[in-house]
Amino acid sequence: MHQSLPLLSTLLTLLAFAPAPANAQSARWGKGYLPNIPVVTQHGESLRFYDDVLKGKIAVISFIYTSCRDICPVVTARLSQLEEKLGDTVGREIFFVSISIDPVNDTPSRC
């Protein structure tokens, strides 16, 4: 039972980001709530965080830095397990977004 608690917690987070009716979504989770700052993908492409990455999507957002040796590997392993359980919905209905807090050192080859 305790092994399913992290999965349940993650799924509840997913539900919190689930699309709401159009009028409620625009007031609660819209462009004014989430930043629309420029971000750079692992491929070097520049995108707007809200408009291009999150808008209209169910997303699991995680913050990473590859030199973390404490809880980060456990969190990454749990996210990997969740991705396996969600199967084909990942990339179609549910999206995983990882944001580096150390972009100088967190290159695609290290992630």
PDB file of N, CA and C in Angstrom:
ATOM      1  N   MET A   1       0.817  -1.199   0.000  1.00  0.00           N
ATOM      2  CA  MET A   1       0.000   0.000   0.000  1.00  0.00           C
ATOM      3  C   MET A   1       0.858   1.260   0.000  1.00  0.00           C
ATOM      4  N   HIS A   2       1.946   1.286   0.781  1.00  0.00           N
ATOM      5  CA  HIS A   2       2.776   2.477   0.858  1.00  0.00           C
ATOM      6  C   HIS A   2       3.450   2.787  -0.473  1.00  0.00           C
ATOM      7  N   GLN A   3       3.719   1.779  -1.290  1.00  0.00           N
ATOM      8  CA  GLN A   3       4.343   2.017  -2.590  1.00  0.00           C
ATOM      9  C   GLN A   3       3.417   2.765  -3.523  1.00  0.00           C
ATOM     10  N   SER A   4       2.120   2.648  -3.331  1.00  0.00           N
ATOM     11  CA  SER A   4       1.178   3.327  -4.216  1.00  0.00           C
ATOM     12  C   SER A   4       0.927   4.767  -3.798  1.00  0.00           C
ATOM     13  N   LEU A   5       1.378   5.179  -2.622  1.00  0.00           N
ATOM     14  CA  LEU A   5       1.150   6.551  -2.174  1.00  0.00           C
ATOM     15  C   LEU A   5       1.818   7.586  -3.070  1.00  0.00           C
ATOM     16  N   PRO A   6       3.087   7.409  -3.473  1.00  0.00           N
ATOM     17  CA  PRO A   6       3.670   8.401  -4.385  1.00  0.00           C
ATOM     18  C   PRO A   6       2.932   8.463  -5.723  1.00  0.00           C
ATOM     19  N   LEU A   7       2.493   7.344  -6.227  1.00  0.00           N
ATOM     20  CA  LEU A   7       1.753   7.319  -7.480  1.00  0.00           C
ATOM     21  C   LEU A   7       0.424   8.048  -7.312  1.00  0.00           C
ATOM     22  N   LEU A   8      -0.261   7.799  -6.213  1.00  0.00           N
ATOM     23  CA  LEU A   8      -1.528   8.471  -5.938  1.00  0.00           C
ATOM     24  C   LEU A   8      -1.319   9.969  -5.842  1.00  0.00           C
ATOM     25  N   SER A   9      -0.272  10.375  -5.162  1.00  0.00           N
ATOM     26  CA  SER A   9       0.035  11.798  -5.035  1.00  0.00           C
ATOM     27  C   SER A   9       0.269  12.429  -6.405  1.00  0.00           C
ATOM     28  N   THR A  10       1.008  11.736  -7.250  1.00  0.00           N
ATOM     29  CA  THR A  10       1.285  12.255  -8.588  1.00  0.00           C
ATOM     30  C   THR A  10       0.002  12.326  -9.413  1.00  0.00           C
ATOM     31  N   LEU A  11      -0.837  11.321  -9.316  1.00  0.00           N
ATOM     32  CA  LEU A  11      -2.092  11.333 -10.064  1.00  0.00           C
ATOM     33  C   LEU A  11      -3.011  12.452  -9.589  1.00  0.00           C
ATOM     34  N   LEU A  12      -3.016  12.721  -8.286  1.00  0.00           N
ATOM     35  CA  LEU A  12      -3.805  13.837  -7.780  1.00  0.00           C
ATOM     36  C   LEU A  12      -3.285  15.160  -8.328  1.00  0.00           C
ATOM     37  N   THR A  13      -1.979  15.266  -8.468  1.00  0.00           N
ATOM     38  CA  THR A  13      -1.399  16.458  -9.076  1.00  0.00           C
ATOM     39  C   THR A  13      -1.856  16.585 -10.525  1.00  0.00           C
ATOM     40  N   LEU A  14      -1.893  15.463 -11.227  1.00  0.00           N
ATOM     41  CA  LEU A  14      -2.384  15.484 -12.613  1.00  0.00           C
ATOM     42  C   LEU A  14      -3.819  15.994 -12.670  1.00  0.00           C
ATOM     43  N   LEU A  15      -4.649  15.526 -11.753  1.00  0.00           N
ATOM     44  CA  LEU A  15      -6.042  15.960 -11.733  1.00  0.00           C
ATOM     45  C   LEU A  15      -6.156  17.455 -11.468  1.00  0.00           C
ATOM     46  N   ALA A  16      -5.257  17.977 -10.664  1.00  0.00           N
ATOM     47  CA  ALA A  16      -5.286  19.409 -10.382  1.00  0.00           C
ATOM     48  C   ALA A  16      -5.026  20.222 -11.637  1.00  0.00           C
ATOM     49  N   PHE A  17      -4.270  19.657 -12.596  1.00  0.00           N
ATOM     50  CA  PHE A  17      -3.969  20.364 -13.831  1.00  0.00           C
ATOM     51  C   PHE A  17      -4.885  19.951 -14.982  1.00  0.00           C
ATOM     52  N   ALA A  18      -5.870  19.121 -14.705  1.00  0.00           N
ATOM     53  CA  ALA A  18      -6.783  18.670 -15.758  1.00  0.00           C
ATOM     54  C   ALA A  18      -7.569  19.847 -16.307  1.00  0.00           C
ATOM     55  N   PRO A  19      -7.857  19.836 -17.595  1.00  0.00           N
ATOM     56  CA  PRO A  19      -8.616  20.934 -18.182  1.00  0.00           C
ATOM     57  C   PRO A  19      -9.976  21.081 -17.533  1.00  0.00           C
ATOM     58  N   ALA A  20     -10.329  22.310 -17.232  1.00  0.00           N
ATOM     59  CA  ALA A  20     -11.624  22.633 -16.643  1.00  0.00           C
ATOM     60  C   ALA A  20     -12.496  23.186 -17.761  1.00  0.00           C
ATOM     61  N   PRO A  21     -13.764  23.445 -17.486  1.00  0.00           N
ATOM     62  CA  PRO A  21     -14.594  24.105 -18.494  1.00  0.00           C
ATOM     63  C   PRO A  21     -13.914  25.399 -18.954  1.00  0.00           C
ATOM     64  N   ALA A  22     -14.144  25.775 -20.192  1.00  0.00           N
ATOM     65  CA  ALA A  22     -13.420  26.891 -20.802  1.00  0.00           C
ATOM     66  C   ALA A  22     -13.432  28.160 -19.958  1.00  0.00           C
ATOM     67  N   ASN A  23     -14.576  28.539 -19.419  1.00  0.00           N
ATOM     68  CA  ASN A  23     -14.621  29.790 -18.658  1.00  0.00           C
ATOM     69  C   ASN A  23     -13.851  29.684 -17.348  1.00  0.00           C
ATOM     70  N   ALA A  24     -13.899  28.554 -16.669  1.00  0.00           N
ATOM     71  CA  ALA A  24     -13.160  28.384 -15.421  1.00  0.00           C
ATOM     72  C   ALA A  24     -11.673  28.260 -15.693  1.00  0.00           C
ATOM     73  N   GLN A  25     -11.322  27.582 -16.772  1.00  0.00           N
ATOM     74  CA  GLN A  25      -9.902  27.387 -17.088  1.00  0.00           C
ATOM     75  C   GLN A  25      -9.229  28.719 -17.377  1.00  0.00           C
ATOM     76  N   SER A  26      -9.865  29.574 -18.134  1.00  0.00           N
ATOM     77  CA  SER A  26      -9.222  30.834 -18.475  1.00  0.00           C
ATOM     78  C   SER A  26      -9.043  31.709 -17.242  1.00  0.00           C
ATOM     79  N   ALA A  27      -9.935  31.619 -16.292  1.00  0.00           N
ATOM     80  CA  ALA A  27      -9.823  32.437 -15.091  1.00  0.00           C
ATOM     81  C   ALA A  27      -8.816  31.859 -14.104  1.00  0.00           C
ATOM     82  N   ARG A  28      -8.716  30.537 -14.031  1.00  0.00           N
ATOM     83  CA  ARG A  28      -7.897  29.913 -13.004  1.00  0.00           C
ATOM     84  C   ARG A  28      -6.491  29.567 -13.465  1.00  0.00           C
ATOM     85  N   TRP A  29      -6.352  28.933 -14.606  1.00  0.00           N
ATOM     86  CA  TRP A  29      -5.056  28.406 -15.039  1.00  0.00           C
ATOM     87  C   TRP A  29      -4.549  29.052 -16.318  1.00  0.00           C
ATOM     88  N   GLY A  30      -5.068  30.159 -16.689  1.00  0.00           N
ATOM     89  CA  GLY A  30      -4.711  30.758 -17.963  1.00  0.00           C
ATOM     90  C   GLY A  30      -3.377  31.473 -17.989  1.00  0.00           C
ATOM     91  N   LYS A  31      -3.194  32.191 -19.074  1.00  0.00           N
ATOM     92  CA  LYS A  31      -1.940  32.868 -19.348  1.00  0.00           C
ATOM     93  C   LYS A  31      -1.519  33.819 -18.227  1.00  0.00           C
ATOM     94  N   GLY A  32      -2.453  34.447 -17.572  1.00  0.00           N
ATOM     95  CA  GLY A  32      -2.126  35.358 -16.485  1.00  0.00           C
ATOM     96  C   GLY A  32      -1.684  34.654 -15.213  1.00  0.00           C
ATOM     97  N   TYR A  33      -2.006  33.378 -15.092  1.00  0.00           N
ATOM     98  CA  TYR A  33      -1.646  32.619 -13.891  1.00  0.00           C
ATOM     99  C   TYR A  33      -0.283  31.962 -14.040  1.00  0.00           C
ATOM    100  N   LEU A  34      -0.041  31.364 -15.188  1.00  0.00           N
ATOM    101  CA  LEU A  34       1.225  30.688 -15.467  1.00  0.00           C
ATOM    102  C   LEU A  34       2.113  31.599 -16.311  1.00  0.00           C
ATOM    103  N   PRO A  35       3.397  31.675 -16.017  1.00  0.00           N
ATOM    104  CA  PRO A  35       4.270  32.588 -16.778  1.00  0.00           C
ATOM    105  C   PRO A  35       4.410  32.150 -18.229  1.00  0.00           C
ATOM    106  N   ASN A  36       4.485  33.134 -19.090  1.00  0.00           N
ATOM    107  CA  ASN A  36       4.658  32.865 -20.521  1.00  0.00           C
ATOM    108  C   ASN A  36       6.062  33.287 -20.964  1.00  0.00           C
ATOM    109  N   ILE A  37       7.022  32.983 -20.104  1.00  0.00           N
ATOM    110  CA  ILE A  37       8.405  33.387 -20.351  1.00  0.00           C
ATOM    111  C   ILE A  37       9.050  32.502 -21.413  1.00  0.00           C
ATOM    112  N   PRO A  38      10.099  33.006 -22.062  1.00  0.00           N
ATOM    113  CA  PRO A  38      10.804  32.168 -23.034  1.00  0.00           C
ATOM    114  C   PRO A  38      11.556  31.040 -22.326  1.00  0.00           C
ATOM    115  N   VAL A  39      11.502  29.868 -22.897  1.00  0.00           N
ATOM    116  CA  VAL A  39      12.256  28.708 -22.417  1.00  0.00           C
ATOM    117  C   VAL A  39      12.947  28.084 -23.613  1.00  0.00           C
ATOM    118  N   VAL A  40      13.994  27.311 -23.333  1.00  0.00           N
ATOM    119  CA  VAL A  40      14.760  26.665 -24.395  1.00  0.00           C
ATOM    120  C   VAL A  40      14.644  25.157 -24.207  1.00  0.00           C
ATOM    121  N   THR A  41      14.305  24.447 -25.272  1.00  0.00           N
ATOM    122  CA  THR A  41      14.171  22.992 -25.201  1.00  0.00           C
ATOM    123  C   THR A  41      15.549  22.335 -25.208  1.00  0.00           C
ATOM    124  N   GLN A  42      15.555  21.033 -24.972  1.00  0.00           N
ATOM    125  CA  GLN A  42      16.806  20.277 -25.018  1.00  0.00           C
ATOM    126  C   GLN A  42      17.407  20.264 -26.419  1.00  0.00           C
ATOM    127  N   HIS A  43      16.622  20.672 -27.417  1.00  0.00           N
ATOM    128  CA  HIS A  43      17.102  20.729 -28.799  1.00  0.00           C
ATOM    129  C   HIS A  43      17.519  22.143 -29.198  1.00  0.00           C
ATOM    130  N   GLY A  44      17.494  23.086 -28.227  1.00  0.00           N
ATOM    131  CA  GLY A  44      17.901  24.457 -28.495  1.00  0.00           C
ATOM    132  C   GLY A  44      16.813  25.332 -29.082  1.00  0.00           C
ATOM    133  N   GLU A  45      15.598  24.825 -29.177  1.00  0.00           N
ATOM    134  CA  GLU A  45      14.480  25.580 -29.730  1.00  0.00           C
ATOM    135  C   GLU A  45      13.897  26.501 -28.662  1.00  0.00           C
ATOM    136  N   SER A  46      13.626  27.745 -29.003  1.00  0.00           N
ATOM    137  CA  SER A  46      13.042  28.703 -28.076  1.00  0.00           C
ATOM    138  C   SER A  46      11.517  28.635 -28.161  1.00  0.00           C
ATOM    139  N   LEU A  47      10.872  28.488 -27.004  1.00  0.00           N
ATOM    140  CA  LEU A  47       9.419  28.410 -26.919  1.00  0.00           C
ATOM    141  C   LEU A  47       8.922  29.345 -25.832  1.00  0.00           C
ATOM    142  N   ARG A  48       7.627  29.660 -25.845  1.00  0.00           N
ATOM    143  CA  ARG A  48       6.978  30.402 -24.761  1.00  0.00           C
ATOM    144  C   ARG A  48       6.403  29.354 -23.809  1.00  0.00           C
ATOM    145  N   PHE A  49       6.682  29.509 -22.513  1.00  0.00           N
ATOM    146  CA  PHE A  49       6.333  28.483 -21.531  1.00  0.00           C
ATOM    147  C   PHE A  49       4.842  28.161 -21.517  1.00  0.00           C
ATOM    148  N   TYR A  50       3.994  29.168 -21.450  1.00  0.00           N
ATOM    149  CA  TYR A  50       2.554  28.879 -21.411  1.00  0.00           C
ATOM    150  C   TYR A  50       2.022  28.550 -22.805  1.00  0.00           C
ATOM    151  N   ASP A  51       2.204  29.454 -23.746  1.00  0.00           N
ATOM    152  CA  ASP A  51       1.599  29.285 -25.075  1.00  0.00           C
ATOM    153  C   ASP A  51       2.046  28.020 -25.798  1.00  0.00           C
ATOM    154  N   ASP A  52       3.328  27.717 -25.738  1.00  0.00           N
ATOM    155  CA  ASP A  52       3.866  26.612 -26.538  1.00  0.00           C
ATOM    156  C   ASP A  52       4.028  25.301 -25.778  1.00  0.00           C
ATOM    157  N   VAL A  53       4.186  25.374 -24.454  1.00  0.00           N
ATOM    158  CA  VAL A  53       4.483  24.156 -23.688  1.00  0.00           C
ATOM    159  C   VAL A  53       3.268  23.651 -22.916  1.00  0.00           C
ATOM    160  N   LEU A  54       2.508  24.552 -22.283  1.00  0.00           N
ATOM    161  CA  LEU A  54       1.451  24.111 -21.375  1.00  0.00           C
ATOM    162  C   LEU A  54       0.016  24.310 -21.853  1.00  0.00           C
ATOM    163  N   LYS A  55      -0.240  25.298 -22.627  1.00  0.00           N
ATOM    164  CA  LYS A  55      -1.603  25.678 -22.996  1.00  0.00           C
ATOM    165  C   LYS A  55      -2.411  24.498 -23.540  1.00  0.00           C
ATOM    166  N   GLY A  56      -3.536  24.234 -22.890  1.00  0.00           N
ATOM    167  CA  GLY A  56      -4.436  23.176 -23.331  1.00  0.00           C
ATOM    168  C   GLY A  56      -3.969  21.767 -23.032  1.00  0.00           C
ATOM    169  N   LYS A  57      -2.953  21.608 -22.197  1.00  0.00           N
ATOM    170  CA  LYS A  57      -2.386  20.285 -21.941  1.00  0.00           C
ATOM    171  C   LYS A  57      -2.459  19.920 -20.464  1.00  0.00           C
ATOM    172  N   ILE A  58      -2.476  18.637 -20.217  1.00  0.00           N
ATOM    173  CA  ILE A  58      -2.274  18.121 -18.875  1.00  0.00           C
ATOM    174  C   ILE A  58      -0.787  17.841 -18.770  1.00  0.00           C
ATOM    175  N   ALA A  59      -0.122  18.486 -17.805  1.00  0.00           N
ATOM    176  CA  ALA A  59       1.331  18.364 -17.720  1.00  0.00           C
ATOM    177  C   ALA A  59       1.779  18.040 -16.303  1.00  0.00           C
ATOM    178  N   VAL A  60       2.779  17.191 -16.214  1.00  0.00           N
ATOM    179  CA  VAL A  60       3.484  16.914 -14.968  1.00  0.00           C
ATOM    180  C   VAL A  60       4.785  17.695 -15.067  1.00  0.00           C
ATOM    181  N   ILE A  61       4.977  18.646 -14.173  1.00  0.00           N
ATOM    182  CA  ILE A  61       6.165  19.490 -14.214  1.00  0.00           C
ATOM    183  C   ILE A  61       7.096  19.085 -13.090  1.00  0.00           C
ATOM    184  N   SER A  62       8.349  18.868 -13.441  1.00  0.00           N
ATOM    185  CA  SER A  62       9.355  18.556 -12.422  1.00  0.00           C
ATOM    186  C   SER A  62      10.539  19.494 -12.600  1.00  0.00           C
ATOM    187  N   PHE A  63      11.213  19.746 -11.502  1.00  0.00           N
ATOM    188  CA  PHE A  63      12.409  20.578 -11.518  1.00  0.00           C
ATOM    189  C   PHE A  63      13.595  19.673 -11.263  1.00  0.00           C
ATOM    190  N   ILE A  64      14.628  19.828 -12.095  1.00  0.00           N
ATOM    191  CA  ILE A  64      15.768  18.913 -12.014  1.00  0.00           C
ATOM    192  C   ILE A  64      17.089  19.666 -12.006  1.00  0.00           C
ATOM    193  N   TYR A  65      18.088  19.022 -11.508  1.00  0.00           N
ATOM    194  CA  TYR A  65      19.475  19.372 -11.771  1.00  0.00           C
ATOM    195  C   TYR A  65      20.263  18.084 -11.634  1.00  0.00           C
ATOM    196  N   THR A  66      21.087  17.821 -12.630  1.00  0.00           N
ATOM    197  CA  THR A  66      21.709  16.506 -12.752  1.00  0.00           C
ATOM    198  C   THR A  66      22.769  16.223 -11.704  1.00  0.00           C
ATOM    199  N   SER A  67      23.262  17.235 -11.029  1.00  0.00           N
ATOM    200  CA  SER A  67      24.263  16.991  -9.984  1.00  0.00           C
ATOM    201  C   SER A  67      23.620  16.652  -8.638  1.00  0.00           C
ATOM    202  N   CYS A  68      22.314  16.661  -8.564  1.00  0.00           N
ATOM    203  CA  CYS A  68      21.603  16.310  -7.322  1.00  0.00           C
ATOM    204  C   CYS A  68      21.801  14.819  -7.037  1.00  0.00           C
ATOM    205  N   ARG A  69      22.194  14.497  -5.832  1.00  0.00           N
ATOM    206  CA  ARG A  69      22.438  13.102  -5.450  1.00  0.00           C
ATOM    207  C   ARG A  69      21.566  12.660  -4.288  1.00  0.00           C
ATOM    208  N   ASP A  70      20.680  13.544  -3.808  1.00  0.00           N
ATOM    209  CA  ASP A  70      19.848  13.194  -2.659  1.00  0.00           C
ATOM    210  C   ASP A  70      18.528  12.581  -3.109  1.00  0.00           C
ATOM    211  N   ILE A  71      17.468  13.353  -3.065  1.00  0.00           N
ATOM    212  CA  ILE A  71      16.134  12.847  -3.370  1.00  0.00           C
ATOM    213  C   ILE A  71      15.859  12.803  -4.877  1.00  0.00           C
ATOM    214  N   CYS A  72      16.605  13.552  -5.666  1.00  0.00           N
ATOM    215  CA  CYS A  72      16.340  13.655  -7.108  1.00  0.00           C
ATOM    216  C   CYS A  72      16.289  12.312  -7.833  1.00  0.00           C
ATOM    217  N   PRO A  73      17.230  11.398  -7.612  1.00  0.00           N
ATOM    218  CA  PRO A  73      17.140  10.112  -8.305  1.00  0.00           C
ATOM    219  C   PRO A  73      15.870   9.327  -7.951  1.00  0.00           C
ATOM    220  N   VAL A  74      15.404   9.468  -6.728  1.00  0.00           N
ATOM    221  CA  VAL A  74      14.165   8.790  -6.316  1.00  0.00           C
ATOM    222  C   VAL A  74      12.969   9.404  -7.034  1.00  0.00           C
ATOM    223  N   VAL A  75      12.920  10.727  -7.093  1.00  0.00           N
ATOM    224  CA  VAL A  75      11.826  11.412  -7.790  1.00  0.00           C
ATOM    225  C   VAL A  75      11.826  11.031  -9.266  1.00  0.00           C
ATOM    226  N   THR A  76      12.994  11.018  -9.872  1.00  0.00           N
ATOM    227  CA  THR A  76      13.097  10.648 -11.287  1.00  0.00           C
ATOM    228  C   THR A  76      12.631   9.211 -11.514  1.00  0.00           C
ATOM    229  N   ALA A  77      13.003   8.313 -10.617  1.00  0.00           N
ATOM    230  CA  ALA A  77      12.572   6.920 -10.743  1.00  0.00           C
ATOM    231  C   ALA A  77      11.053   6.804 -10.629  1.00  0.00           C
ATOM    232  N   ARG A  78      10.460   7.557  -9.718  1.00  0.00           N
ATOM    233  CA  ARG A  78       8.995   7.537  -9.557  1.00  0.00           C
ATOM    234  C   ARG A  78       8.298   8.097 -10.792  1.00  0.00           C
ATOM    235  N   LEU A  79       8.836   9.169 -11.351  1.00  0.00           N
ATOM    236  CA  LEU A  79       8.260   9.720 -12.571  1.00  0.00           C
ATOM    237  C   LEU A  79       8.373   8.734 -13.724  1.00  0.00           C
ATOM    238  N   SER A  80       9.461   8.009 -13.775  1.00  0.00           N
ATOM    239  CA  SER A  80       9.641   6.986 -14.802  1.00  0.00           C
ATOM    240  C   SER A  80       8.601   5.873 -14.640  1.00  0.00           C
ATOM    241  N   GLN A  81       8.345   5.476 -13.403  1.00  0.00           N
ATOM    242  CA  GLN A  81       7.322   4.461 -13.137  1.00  0.00           C
ATOM    243  C   GLN A  81       5.951   4.965 -13.554  1.00  0.00           C
ATOM    244  N   LEU A  82       5.667   6.219 -13.256  1.00  0.00           N
ATOM    245  CA  LEU A  82       4.389   6.805 -13.648  1.00  0.00           C
ATOM    246  C   LEU A  82       4.252   6.825 -15.164  1.00  0.00           C
ATOM    247  N   GLU A  83       5.315   7.204 -15.845  1.00  0.00           N
ATOM    248  CA  GLU A  83       5.295   7.229 -17.300  1.00  0.00           C
ATOM    249  C   GLU A  83       4.986   5.837 -17.875  1.00  0.00           C
ATOM    250  N   GLU A  84       5.589   4.814 -17.294  1.00  0.00           N
ATOM    251  CA  GLU A  84       5.320   3.441 -17.744  1.00  0.00           C
ATOM    252  C   GLU A  84       3.860   3.074 -17.526  1.00  0.00           C
ATOM    253  N   LYS A  85       3.315   3.437 -16.368  1.00  0.00           N
ATOM    254  CA  LYS A  85       1.923   3.103 -16.061  1.00  0.00           C
ATOM    255  C   LYS A  85       0.939   3.841 -16.971  1.00  0.00           C
ATOM    256  N   LEU A  86       1.287   5.061 -17.361  1.00  0.00           N
ATOM    257  CA  LEU A  86       0.404   5.842 -18.225  1.00  0.00           C
ATOM    258  C   LEU A  86       0.468   5.401 -19.679  1.00  0.00           C
ATOM    259  N   GLY A  87       1.543   4.725 -20.049  1.00  0.00           N
ATOM    260  CA  GLY A  87       1.666   4.133 -21.384  1.00  0.00           C
ATOM    261  C   GLY A  87       1.545   5.128 -22.517  1.00  0.00           C
ATOM    262  N   ASP A  88       0.700   4.793 -23.489  1.00  0.00           N
ATOM    263  CA  ASP A  88       0.571   5.576 -24.717  1.00  0.00           C
ATOM    264  C   ASP A  88      -0.044   6.954 -24.523  1.00  0.00           C
ATOM    265  N   THR A  89      -0.622   7.226 -23.354  1.00  0.00           N
ATOM    266  CA  THR A  89      -1.201   8.555 -23.138  1.00  0.00           C
ATOM    267  C   THR A  89      -0.120   9.626 -22.996  1.00  0.00           C
ATOM    268  N   VAL A  90       1.103   9.196 -22.637  1.00  0.00           N
ATOM    269  CA  VAL A  90       2.207  10.144 -22.486  1.00  0.00           C
ATOM    270  C   VAL A  90       2.613  10.660 -23.868  1.00  0.00           C
ATOM    271  N   GLY A  91       2.652  11.976 -23.980  1.00  0.00           N
ATOM    272  CA  GLY A  91       2.994  12.601 -25.252  1.00  0.00           C
ATOM    273  C   GLY A  91       1.796  12.857 -26.136  1.00  0.00           C
ATOM    274  N   ARG A  92       0.653  12.299 -25.761  1.00  0.00           N
ATOM    275  CA  ARG A  92      -0.584  12.514 -26.507  1.00  0.00           C
ATOM    276  C   ARG A  92      -1.599  13.255 -25.650  1.00  0.00           C
ATOM    277  N   GLU A  93      -1.858  12.745 -24.447  1.00  0.00           N
ATOM    278  CA  GLU A  93      -2.843  13.333 -23.547  1.00  0.00           C
ATOM    279  C   GLU A  93      -2.193  13.947 -22.310  1.00  0.00           C
ATOM    280  N   ILE A  94      -1.087  13.390 -21.897  1.00  0.00           N
ATOM    281  CA  ILE A  94      -0.368  13.840 -20.705  1.00  0.00           C
ATOM    282  C   ILE A  94       1.081  14.076 -21.097  1.00  0.00           C
ATOM    283  N   PHE A  95       1.623  15.204 -20.635  1.00  0.00           N
ATOM    284  CA  PHE A  95       2.979  15.595 -21.009  1.00  0.00           C
ATOM    285  C   PHE A  95       3.835  15.752 -19.765  1.00  0.00           C
ATOM    286  N   PHE A  96       5.083  15.324 -19.863  1.00  0.00           N
ATOM    287  CA  PHE A  96       6.059  15.488 -18.797  1.00  0.00           C
ATOM    288  C   PHE A  96       6.976  16.641 -19.193  1.00  0.00           C
ATOM    289  N   VAL A  97       7.114  17.616 -18.308  1.00  0.00           N
ATOM    290  CA  VAL A  97       7.962  18.776 -18.561  1.00  0.00           C
ATOM    291  C   VAL A  97       8.969  18.865 -17.421  1.00  0.00           C
ATOM    292  N   SER A  98      10.242  18.781 -17.753  1.00  0.00           N
ATOM    293  CA  SER A  98      11.300  18.917 -16.748  1.00  0.00           C
ATOM    294  C   SER A  98      11.981  20.258 -16.962  1.00  0.00           C
ATOM    295  N   ILE A  99      12.128  21.002 -15.873  1.00  0.00           N
ATOM    296  CA  ILE A  99      12.752  22.311 -15.930  1.00  0.00           C
ATOM    297  C   ILE A  99      14.047  22.252 -15.130  1.00  0.00           C
ATOM    298  N   SER A 100      15.132  22.583 -15.770  1.00  0.00           N
ATOM    299  CA  SER A 100      16.434  22.568 -15.104  1.00  0.00           C
ATOM    300  C   SER A 100      16.601  23.835 -14.274  1.00  0.00           C
ATOM    301  N   ILE A 101      17.138  23.660 -13.081  1.00  0.00           N
ATOM    302  CA  ILE A 101      17.503  24.824 -12.283  1.00  0.00           C
ATOM    303  C   ILE A 101      18.998  25.107 -12.411  1.00  0.00           C
ATOM    304  N   ASP A 102      19.674  24.323 -13.249  1.00  0.00           N
ATOM    305  CA  ASP A 102      21.099  24.502 -13.524  1.00  0.00           C
ATOM    306  C   ASP A 102      21.347  24.258 -15.018  1.00  0.00           C
ATOM    307  N   PRO A 103      20.785  25.115 -15.895  1.00  0.00           N
ATOM    308  CA  PRO A 103      20.856  24.855 -17.337  1.00  0.00           C
ATOM    309  C   PRO A 103      22.264  24.880 -17.922  1.00  0.00           C
ATOM    310  N   VAL A 104      23.199  25.510 -17.250  1.00  0.00           N
ATOM    311  CA  VAL A 104      24.568  25.534 -17.763  1.00  0.00           C
ATOM    312  C   VAL A 104      25.168  24.129 -17.752  1.00  0.00           C
ATOM    313  N   ASN A 105      24.864  23.361 -16.700  1.00  0.00           N
ATOM    314  CA  ASN A 105      25.420  22.022 -16.570  1.00  0.00           C
ATOM    315  C   ASN A 105      24.461  20.911 -16.995  1.00  0.00           C
ATOM    316  N   ASP A 106      23.181  21.170 -17.022  1.00  0.00           N
ATOM    317  CA  ASP A 106      22.194  20.148 -17.380  1.00  0.00           C
ATOM    318  C   ASP A 106      21.981  20.111 -18.886  1.00  0.00           C
ATOM    319  N   THR A 107      22.830  19.400 -19.552  1.00  0.00           N
ATOM    320  CA  THR A 107      22.724  19.242 -21.000  1.00  0.00           C
ATOM    321  C   THR A 107      21.926  17.979 -21.303  1.00  0.00           C
ATOM    322  N   PRO A 108      21.384  17.853 -22.513  1.00  0.00           N
ATOM    323  CA  PRO A 108      20.622  16.639 -22.854  1.00  0.00           C
ATOM    324  C   PRO A 108      21.387  15.350 -22.606  1.00  0.00           C
ATOM    325  N   SER A 109      22.687  15.358 -22.822  1.00  0.00           N
ATOM    326  CA  SER A 109      23.461  14.125 -22.616  1.00  0.00           C
ATOM    327  C   SER A 109      23.551  13.749 -21.137  1.00  0.00           C
ATOM    328  N   ARG A 110      23.411  14.695 -20.246  1.00  0.00           N
ATOM    329  CA  ARG A 110      23.478  14.396 -18.811  1.00  0.00           C
ATOM    330  C   ARG A 110      22.121  14.025 -18.242  1.00  0.00           C
ATOM    331  N   CYS A 111      21.051  14.392 -18.917  1.00  0.00           N
ATOM    332  CA  CYS A 111      19.699  14.146 -18.392  1.00  0.00           C
ATOM    333  C   CYS A 111      19.196  12.810 -18.723  1.00  0.00           C
TER     334      CYS A 111
END
